[in-house]
């Protein structure tokens, strides 16, 4: 499984329907699980972004599909990064020679 970090921002539509946000979160969890992935961490944040999501997906194509599905609903915009855990980081760096 690959790990991803998404920085999410509410759209005007999303903020106008903020009271439904927990239901949308539950729906997103179910949809990702149906694609073979899972949420690892979720945070509401103060600052540049409104939400941070850490999740696993089987591959980049599934992650892209999940992000497109989220975006198509019009409630959030996302910036997503593929993440490497510490063990992968150490392996990559040690491979440099």
N, C-alpha and C. Protein backbone atom coordinates (compact mmCIF):
# COMPACT_ATOMS: atom_id res chain seq x y z
N UNK A 1 0.84 -1.18 0.00
CA UNK A 1 0.00 0.00 0.00
C UNK A 1 0.89 1.24 0.00
N UNK A 2 0.46 2.23 -0.74
CA UNK A 2 1.16 3.51 -0.76
C UNK A 2 0.45 4.48 0.18
N UNK A 3 1.22 5.40 0.72
CA UNK A 3 0.71 6.38 1.69
C UNK A 3 0.61 7.74 1.02
N UNK A 4 -0.46 8.48 1.33
CA UNK A 4 -0.70 9.79 0.74
C UNK A 4 -1.13 10.77 1.82
N UNK A 5 -0.77 12.03 1.63
CA UNK A 5 -1.20 13.11 2.51
C UNK A 5 -1.93 14.12 1.65
N UNK A 6 -3.17 14.43 2.03
CA UNK A 6 -3.96 15.42 1.30
C UNK A 6 -4.21 16.63 2.19
N UNK A 7 -3.94 17.80 1.64
CA UNK A 7 -4.26 19.07 2.28
C UNK A 7 -5.55 19.55 1.62
N UNK A 8 -6.60 19.68 2.41
CA UNK A 8 -7.92 19.97 1.88
C UNK A 8 -8.41 21.35 2.31
N UNK A 9 -9.10 22.01 1.40
CA UNK A 9 -9.69 23.31 1.68
C UNK A 9 -11.16 23.28 1.29
N UNK A 10 -12.02 23.79 2.17
CA UNK A 10 -13.44 23.87 1.85
C UNK A 10 -13.67 24.83 0.70
N UNK A 11 -14.55 24.47 -0.19
CA UNK A 11 -15.02 25.39 -1.23
C UNK A 11 -16.16 26.22 -0.61
N UNK A 12 -16.66 27.19 -1.35
CA UNK A 12 -17.82 27.95 -0.88
C UNK A 12 -18.99 27.02 -0.60
N UNK A 13 -19.20 26.06 -1.49
CA UNK A 13 -20.28 25.08 -1.30
C UNK A 13 -20.05 24.27 -0.03
N UNK A 14 -18.83 23.80 0.16
CA UNK A 14 -18.52 22.97 1.33
C UNK A 14 -18.72 23.71 2.64
N UNK A 15 -18.31 24.97 2.69
CA UNK A 15 -18.45 25.72 3.93
C UNK A 15 -19.90 26.10 4.18
N UNK A 16 -20.67 26.33 3.11
CA UNK A 16 -22.09 26.66 3.30
C UNK A 16 -22.89 25.46 3.81
N UNK A 17 -22.34 24.27 3.60
CA UNK A 17 -22.99 23.03 4.06
C UNK A 17 -22.15 22.34 5.14
N UNK A 18 -21.47 23.13 5.95
CA UNK A 18 -20.49 22.60 6.90
C UNK A 18 -21.11 21.60 7.88
N UNK A 19 -22.37 21.80 8.23
CA UNK A 19 -22.99 20.89 9.20
C UNK A 19 -23.09 19.45 8.66
N UNK A 20 -22.99 19.28 7.36
CA UNK A 20 -23.04 17.95 6.75
C UNK A 20 -21.63 17.36 6.56
N UNK A 21 -20.62 18.11 6.94
CA UNK A 21 -19.24 17.67 6.72
C UNK A 21 -18.93 16.32 7.39
N UNK A 22 -19.36 16.06 8.64
CA UNK A 22 -19.08 14.74 9.22
C UNK A 22 -19.69 13.59 8.41
N UNK A 23 -20.88 13.81 7.87
CA UNK A 23 -21.50 12.77 7.03
C UNK A 23 -20.69 12.55 5.75
N UNK A 24 -20.18 13.65 5.17
CA UNK A 24 -19.35 13.54 3.96
C UNK A 24 -18.05 12.80 4.27
N UNK A 25 -17.50 13.04 5.46
CA UNK A 25 -16.29 12.34 5.87
C UNK A 25 -16.55 10.84 5.95
N UNK A 26 -17.65 10.46 6.57
CA UNK A 26 -17.99 9.03 6.67
C UNK A 26 -18.17 8.42 5.29
N UNK A 27 -18.81 9.16 4.39
CA UNK A 27 -19.00 8.68 3.02
C UNK A 27 -17.66 8.49 2.31
N UNK A 28 -16.75 9.45 2.48
CA UNK A 28 -15.42 9.35 1.85
C UNK A 28 -14.66 8.14 2.38
N UNK A 29 -14.77 7.88 3.67
CA UNK A 29 -14.12 6.69 4.25
C UNK A 29 -14.65 5.42 3.59
N UNK A 30 -15.96 5.33 3.46
CA UNK A 30 -16.56 4.14 2.84
C UNK A 30 -16.11 3.99 1.39
N UNK A 31 -16.10 5.11 0.66
CA UNK A 31 -15.72 5.05 -0.75
C UNK A 31 -14.27 4.61 -0.92
N UNK A 32 -13.38 5.12 -0.09
CA UNK A 32 -11.98 4.71 -0.19
C UNK A 32 -11.83 3.24 0.19
N UNK A 33 -12.55 2.79 1.21
CA UNK A 33 -12.49 1.37 1.59
C UNK A 33 -12.96 0.48 0.45
N UNK A 34 -13.99 0.92 -0.28
CA UNK A 34 -14.48 0.14 -1.42
C UNK A 34 -13.43 0.05 -2.53
N UNK A 35 -12.52 1.02 -2.58
CA UNK A 35 -11.44 1.02 -3.56
C UNK A 35 -10.22 0.26 -3.07
N UNK A 36 -10.28 -0.26 -1.84
CA UNK A 36 -9.17 -1.03 -1.29
C UNK A 36 -8.23 -0.23 -0.43
N UNK A 37 -8.57 1.02 -0.12
CA UNK A 37 -7.72 1.88 0.71
C UNK A 37 -8.32 2.09 2.09
N UNK A 38 -7.65 2.94 2.87
CA UNK A 38 -8.16 3.24 4.21
C UNK A 38 -7.59 4.56 4.72
N UNK A 39 -8.38 5.23 5.55
CA UNK A 39 -7.93 6.43 6.24
C UNK A 39 -6.98 6.01 7.35
N UNK A 40 -5.91 6.74 7.54
CA UNK A 40 -4.98 6.50 8.64
C UNK A 40 -5.15 7.57 9.70
N UNK A 41 -5.23 8.83 9.29
CA UNK A 41 -5.42 9.96 10.20
C UNK A 41 -6.22 11.03 9.49
N UNK A 42 -6.95 11.80 10.27
CA UNK A 42 -7.73 12.91 9.74
C UNK A 42 -7.71 14.02 10.78
N UNK A 43 -7.45 15.25 10.32
CA UNK A 43 -7.39 16.39 11.24
C UNK A 43 -8.11 17.59 10.64
N UNK A 44 -8.82 18.34 11.47
CA UNK A 44 -9.25 19.67 11.12
C UNK A 44 -8.12 20.58 11.59
N UNK A 45 -7.71 21.51 10.75
CA UNK A 45 -6.55 22.34 11.08
C UNK A 45 -6.90 23.82 10.98
N UNK A 46 -6.07 24.61 11.64
CA UNK A 46 -6.17 26.07 11.57
C UNK A 46 -4.93 26.56 10.84
N UNK A 47 -5.11 27.46 9.90
CA UNK A 47 -3.98 27.96 9.15
C UNK A 47 -4.27 27.94 7.67
N UNK A 48 -3.29 27.56 6.88
CA UNK A 48 -3.39 27.61 5.43
C UNK A 48 -4.44 26.65 4.88
N UNK A 49 -4.60 25.49 5.49
CA UNK A 49 -5.54 24.48 5.01
C UNK A 49 -6.56 24.15 6.09
N UNK A 50 -7.72 23.69 5.66
CA UNK A 50 -8.82 23.39 6.59
C UNK A 50 -8.74 21.99 7.18
N UNK A 51 -8.27 21.03 6.38
CA UNK A 51 -8.25 19.64 6.79
C UNK A 51 -6.97 18.97 6.29
N UNK A 52 -6.53 17.95 7.01
CA UNK A 52 -5.41 17.13 6.57
C UNK A 52 -5.85 15.68 6.67
N UNK A 53 -5.65 14.95 5.58
CA UNK A 53 -6.03 13.55 5.51
C UNK A 53 -4.79 12.73 5.18
N UNK A 54 -4.55 11.70 5.96
CA UNK A 54 -3.48 10.74 5.68
C UNK A 54 -4.18 9.42 5.38
N UNK A 55 -3.89 8.86 4.22
CA UNK A 55 -4.58 7.63 3.83
C UNK A 55 -3.66 6.71 3.04
N UNK A 56 -4.07 5.45 2.95
CA UNK A 56 -3.38 4.45 2.15
C UNK A 56 -4.28 4.06 0.99
N UNK A 57 -3.64 3.82 -0.14
CA UNK A 57 -4.35 3.31 -1.32
C UNK A 57 -3.45 2.28 -1.99
N UNK A 58 -4.05 1.34 -2.71
CA UNK A 58 -3.25 0.29 -3.35
C UNK A 58 -2.22 0.83 -4.34
N UNK A 59 -2.52 1.94 -5.02
CA UNK A 59 -1.57 2.50 -5.99
C UNK A 59 -1.96 3.93 -6.33
N UNK A 60 -1.14 4.57 -7.15
CA UNK A 60 -1.38 5.97 -7.51
C UNK A 60 -2.68 6.16 -8.29
N UNK A 61 -3.05 5.19 -9.11
CA UNK A 61 -4.28 5.32 -9.89
C UNK A 61 -5.51 5.33 -8.97
N UNK A 62 -5.51 4.49 -7.95
CA UNK A 62 -6.62 4.48 -7.00
C UNK A 62 -6.65 5.78 -6.22
N UNK A 63 -5.49 6.28 -5.82
CA UNK A 63 -5.44 7.56 -5.12
C UNK A 63 -6.00 8.68 -5.99
N UNK A 64 -5.61 8.71 -7.26
CA UNK A 64 -6.11 9.73 -8.18
C UNK A 64 -7.62 9.60 -8.34
N UNK A 65 -8.11 8.39 -8.46
CA UNK A 65 -9.55 8.16 -8.58
C UNK A 65 -10.28 8.68 -7.35
N UNK A 66 -9.74 8.39 -6.17
CA UNK A 66 -10.34 8.86 -4.93
C UNK A 66 -10.36 10.39 -4.87
N UNK A 67 -9.25 11.02 -5.23
CA UNK A 67 -9.18 12.48 -5.19
C UNK A 67 -10.14 13.12 -6.19
N UNK A 68 -10.25 12.53 -7.37
CA UNK A 68 -11.19 13.05 -8.36
C UNK A 68 -12.63 12.90 -7.89
N UNK A 69 -12.93 11.79 -7.24
CA UNK A 69 -14.27 11.58 -6.70
C UNK A 69 -14.58 12.63 -5.64
N UNK A 70 -13.62 12.88 -4.72
CA UNK A 70 -13.83 13.91 -3.71
C UNK A 70 -14.06 15.28 -4.36
N UNK A 71 -13.20 15.64 -5.27
CA UNK A 71 -13.29 16.95 -5.93
C UNK A 71 -14.57 17.12 -6.72
N UNK A 72 -15.05 16.05 -7.33
CA UNK A 72 -16.25 16.14 -8.17
C UNK A 72 -17.50 16.48 -7.38
N UNK A 73 -17.46 16.29 -6.07
CA UNK A 73 -18.62 16.59 -5.24
C UNK A 73 -18.72 18.08 -4.91
N UNK A 74 -17.62 18.82 -5.13
CA UNK A 74 -17.65 20.26 -5.01
C UNK A 74 -17.50 20.84 -3.61
N UNK A 75 -17.19 20.03 -2.62
CA UNK A 75 -17.10 20.52 -1.25
C UNK A 75 -15.69 20.87 -0.79
N UNK A 76 -14.69 20.24 -1.39
CA UNK A 76 -13.29 20.50 -1.04
C UNK A 76 -12.42 20.53 -2.29
N UNK A 77 -11.32 21.22 -2.16
CA UNK A 77 -10.24 21.17 -3.14
C UNK A 77 -9.04 20.54 -2.41
N UNK A 78 -8.23 19.81 -3.14
CA UNK A 78 -7.13 19.12 -2.46
C UNK A 78 -5.80 19.30 -3.17
N UNK A 79 -4.77 19.22 -2.36
CA UNK A 79 -3.39 19.07 -2.83
C UNK A 79 -2.89 17.79 -2.18
N UNK A 80 -2.50 16.83 -3.01
CA UNK A 80 -2.13 15.52 -2.47
C UNK A 80 -0.70 15.19 -2.80
N UNK A 81 -0.02 14.63 -1.81
CA UNK A 81 1.38 14.24 -1.94
C UNK A 81 1.52 12.76 -1.61
N UNK A 82 2.35 12.08 -2.37
CA UNK A 82 2.69 10.71 -2.01
C UNK A 82 3.71 10.81 -0.87
N UNK A 83 3.54 9.98 0.15
CA UNK A 83 4.41 10.06 1.33
C UNK A 83 5.19 8.75 1.49
N UNK A 84 6.40 8.89 1.99
CA UNK A 84 7.26 7.74 2.24
C UNK A 84 7.51 7.66 3.74
N UNK A 85 7.17 6.55 4.39
CA UNK A 85 7.43 6.43 5.83
C UNK A 85 8.93 6.39 6.11
N UNK A 86 9.27 6.51 7.37
CA UNK A 86 10.68 6.59 7.77
C UNK A 86 11.49 5.42 7.23
N UNK A 87 10.96 4.21 7.28
CA UNK A 87 11.72 3.05 6.80
C UNK A 87 12.04 3.18 5.31
N UNK A 88 11.10 3.65 4.51
CA UNK A 88 11.35 3.86 3.08
C UNK A 88 12.35 4.99 2.87
N UNK A 89 12.21 6.05 3.65
CA UNK A 89 13.15 7.17 3.59
C UNK A 89 14.57 6.67 3.82
N UNK A 90 14.77 5.89 4.88
CA UNK A 90 16.09 5.38 5.20
C UNK A 90 16.64 4.47 4.09
N UNK A 91 15.78 3.65 3.52
CA UNK A 91 16.18 2.76 2.44
C UNK A 91 16.59 3.57 1.20
N UNK A 92 15.81 4.58 0.87
CA UNK A 92 16.12 5.42 -0.29
C UNK A 92 17.44 6.13 -0.10
N UNK A 93 17.63 6.72 1.06
CA UNK A 93 18.88 7.45 1.33
C UNK A 93 20.07 6.52 1.33
N UNK A 94 19.93 5.33 1.94
CA UNK A 94 21.06 4.39 1.98
C UNK A 94 21.41 3.87 0.59
N UNK A 95 20.46 3.89 -0.33
CA UNK A 95 20.74 3.41 -1.68
C UNK A 95 21.58 4.40 -2.49
N UNK A 96 21.78 5.59 -1.95
CA UNK A 96 22.57 6.59 -2.67
C UNK A 96 24.06 6.27 -2.67
N UNK A 97 24.47 5.38 -1.79
CA UNK A 97 25.86 4.95 -1.78
C UNK A 97 26.75 5.66 -0.83
